[in-house]
Amino acid sequence: MSSLPQSDPISDLLRRAKTIAVVGLSCNPLRPSHGVSAYMQSHGYRIIPVNPQIEECLGEKAYPSLLDVPEKIDIVDIFRRSEFVEEIVDQAIQLKVPAIWMQEDVIHEKAAEKARKAGIFVVMDRCILKEHRARFR
């Protein structure tokens, strides 16, 4: 088993980032978005729920869309089906968010390419909890 290098782009991102906007965060504790967000929150990240269906989650006020979030976002973490990704990426580009994270099974090459062209760091089809745990146990 090879060990991870001291520095890789994902480690650097997770070290730098403070605020994660979670698009599609569910208040249902059985949903992956809830468990992953609670984990990241317990590791010192500020979680901003982005979901028009909820008022708040994990003690944080929820916003209907990324464009409604009034503060700086370091990572947009996407828990939506792939067909919704492009609109979310367009909003992230508009907000000049430095990183977009698409969770496992969220794959949209065209949107990822568009984000990269806009200078955004993109992680696709990977779980932020698993990547964090692998690097910062």
Protein backbone atom coordinates (compact mmCIF):
# COMPACT_ATOMS: atom_id res chain seq x y z
CA MET A 1 0.00 0.00 0.00
CA SER A 2 1.46 3.34 -0.99
CA SER A 3 1.17 6.26 1.37
CA LEU A 4 -0.12 9.59 0.17
CA PRO A 5 2.47 12.25 -0.61
CA GLN A 6 2.90 14.99 1.99
CA SER A 7 1.23 17.45 -0.29
CA ASP A 8 -1.44 16.79 -2.84
CA PRO A 9 -4.04 19.20 -4.24
CA ILE A 10 -6.88 17.67 -2.21
CA SER A 11 -4.94 17.89 1.08
CA ASP A 12 -4.01 21.48 0.29
CA LEU A 13 -7.65 22.32 -0.46
CA LEU A 14 -8.96 20.67 2.71
CA ARG A 15 -6.29 22.48 4.78
CA ARG A 16 -7.11 25.89 3.28
CA ALA A 17 -10.89 25.65 3.16
CA LYS A 18 -13.03 26.86 6.04
CA THR A 19 -16.52 27.14 4.56
CA ILE A 20 -18.30 24.42 2.57
CA ALA A 21 -21.61 25.13 0.86
CA VAL A 22 -23.37 21.76 0.59
CA VAL A 23 -25.82 21.81 -2.33
CA GLY A 24 -28.56 19.26 -1.79
CA LEU A 25 -27.94 18.87 1.95
CA SER A 26 -30.76 16.87 3.50
CA CYS A 27 -31.91 17.13 7.12
CA ASN A 28 -32.62 13.41 7.06
CA PRO A 29 -29.81 11.83 9.13
CA LEU A 30 -30.04 8.69 6.96
CA ARG A 31 -29.01 10.59 3.81
CA PRO A 32 -25.31 10.59 2.86
CA SER A 33 -25.29 14.40 2.53
CA HIS A 34 -26.28 14.74 6.18
CA GLY A 35 -23.69 12.29 7.52
CA VAL A 36 -20.88 13.73 5.40
CA SER A 37 -21.77 17.31 6.36
CA ALA A 38 -21.99 16.45 10.08
CA TYR A 39 -18.55 14.80 9.83
CA MET A 40 -16.99 17.81 8.11
CA GLN A 41 -18.65 20.15 10.62
CA SER A 42 -17.22 18.09 13.49
CA HIS A 43 -13.77 18.63 11.95
CA GLY A 44 -14.05 22.40 12.11
CA TYR A 45 -15.57 23.27 8.75
CA ARG A 46 -18.46 25.73 8.53
CA ILE A 47 -21.29 24.03 6.65
CA ILE A 48 -23.76 26.15 4.69
CA PRO A 49 -26.83 24.16 3.61
CA VAL A 50 -28.06 24.99 0.09
CA ASN A 51 -31.49 23.49 -0.42
CA PRO A 52 -34.73 25.37 -1.22
CA GLN A 53 -36.77 22.73 0.68
CA ILE A 54 -35.31 23.41 4.15
CA GLU A 55 -35.00 26.35 6.55
CA GLU A 56 -31.93 25.11 8.39
CA CYS A 57 -29.83 22.03 9.00
CA LEU A 58 -27.02 21.11 11.42
CA GLY A 59 -27.68 24.39 13.24
CA GLU A 60 -27.00 26.51 10.14
CA LYS A 61 -29.43 28.63 8.11
CA ALA A 62 -30.18 27.11 4.71
CA TYR A 63 -30.26 29.07 1.44
CA PRO A 64 -32.35 28.27 -1.65
CA SER A 65 -29.38 28.61 -4.03
CA LEU A 66 -25.66 29.35 -4.02
CA LEU A 67 -26.40 32.86 -5.27
CA ASP A 68 -28.34 33.54 -2.03
CA VAL A 69 -25.41 32.70 0.25
CA PRO A 70 -24.17 36.03 1.67
CA GLU A 71 -20.63 34.96 2.54
CA LYS A 72 -17.46 33.64 0.98
CA ILE A 73 -17.56 29.96 0.06
CA ASP A 74 -14.34 27.91 -0.16
CA ILE A 75 -15.82 24.66 -1.51
CA VAL A 76 -19.13 23.92 -3.19
CA ASP A 77 -19.92 20.29 -2.31
CA ILE A 78 -22.56 18.89 -4.67
CA PHE A 79 -25.00 16.20 -3.54
CA ARG A 80 -27.35 16.51 -6.51
CA ARG A 81 -27.94 14.26 -9.49
CA SER A 82 -25.60 14.91 -12.38
CA GLU A 83 -28.25 16.63 -14.52
CA PHE A 84 -28.40 19.48 -11.96
CA VAL A 85 -24.63 20.00 -11.81
CA GLU A 86 -24.18 22.43 -14.68
CA GLU A 87 -26.47 25.09 -13.19
CA ILE A 88 -24.69 24.76 -9.82
CA VAL A 89 -21.29 25.07 -11.52
CA ASP A 90 -22.49 28.18 -13.40
CA GLN A 91 -23.47 29.75 -10.06
CA ALA A 92 -20.12 28.78 -8.50
CA ILE A 93 -18.30 30.40 -11.45
CA GLN A 94 -20.39 33.56 -11.00
CA LEU A 95 -19.42 33.62 -7.30
CA LYS A 96 -15.75 32.85 -8.12
CA VAL A 97 -15.73 29.90 -5.70
CA PRO A 98 -12.21 28.38 -5.66
CA ALA A 99 -13.28 24.70 -5.56
CA ILE A 100 -16.13 22.45 -6.62
CA TRP A 101 -16.49 18.98 -5.15
CA MET A 102 -18.84 16.49 -6.80
CA GLN A 103 -19.64 13.60 -4.50
CA GLU A 104 -19.41 9.91 -5.48
CA ASP A 105 -21.48 9.12 -8.58
CA VAL A 106 -21.90 12.83 -9.38
CA ILE A 107 -20.19 13.10 -12.76
CA HIS A 108 -20.53 15.88 -15.31
CA GLU A 109 -17.48 16.23 -17.55
CA LYS A 110 -18.76 19.27 -19.45
CA ALA A 111 -19.51 21.22 -16.24
CA ALA A 112 -16.18 20.15 -14.72
CA GLU A 113 -14.34 21.36 -17.81
CA LYS A 114 -16.22 24.67 -17.76
CA ALA A 115 -15.29 25.14 -14.07
CA ARG A 116 -11.63 24.31 -14.73
CA LYS A 117 -11.55 26.84 -17.58
CA ALA A 118 -12.86 29.42 -15.07
CA GLY A 119 -9.90 28.60 -12.80
CA ILE A 120 -11.83 26.47 -10.32
CA PHE A 121 -10.28 23.36 -8.75
CA VAL A 122 -12.61 20.40 -9.43
CA VAL A 123 -12.91 17.09 -7.63
CA MET A 124 -15.37 14.69 -9.24
CA ASP A 125 -16.90 11.36 -8.18
CA ARG A 126 -15.15 11.29 -4.78
CA CYS A 127 -16.44 11.52 -1.22
CA ILE A 128 -15.10 14.49 0.72
CA LEU A 129 -15.48 12.56 4.02
CA LYS A 130 -13.44 9.59 2.73
CA GLU A 131 -10.78 11.89 1.26
CA HIS A 132 -10.57 13.89 4.51
CA ARG A 133 -10.40 10.74 6.63
CA ALA A 134 -7.67 9.22 4.42
CA ARG A 135 -5.50 12.31 4.88
CA PHE A 136 -6.20 13.65 8.36
CA ARG A 137 -6.99 10.75 10.66
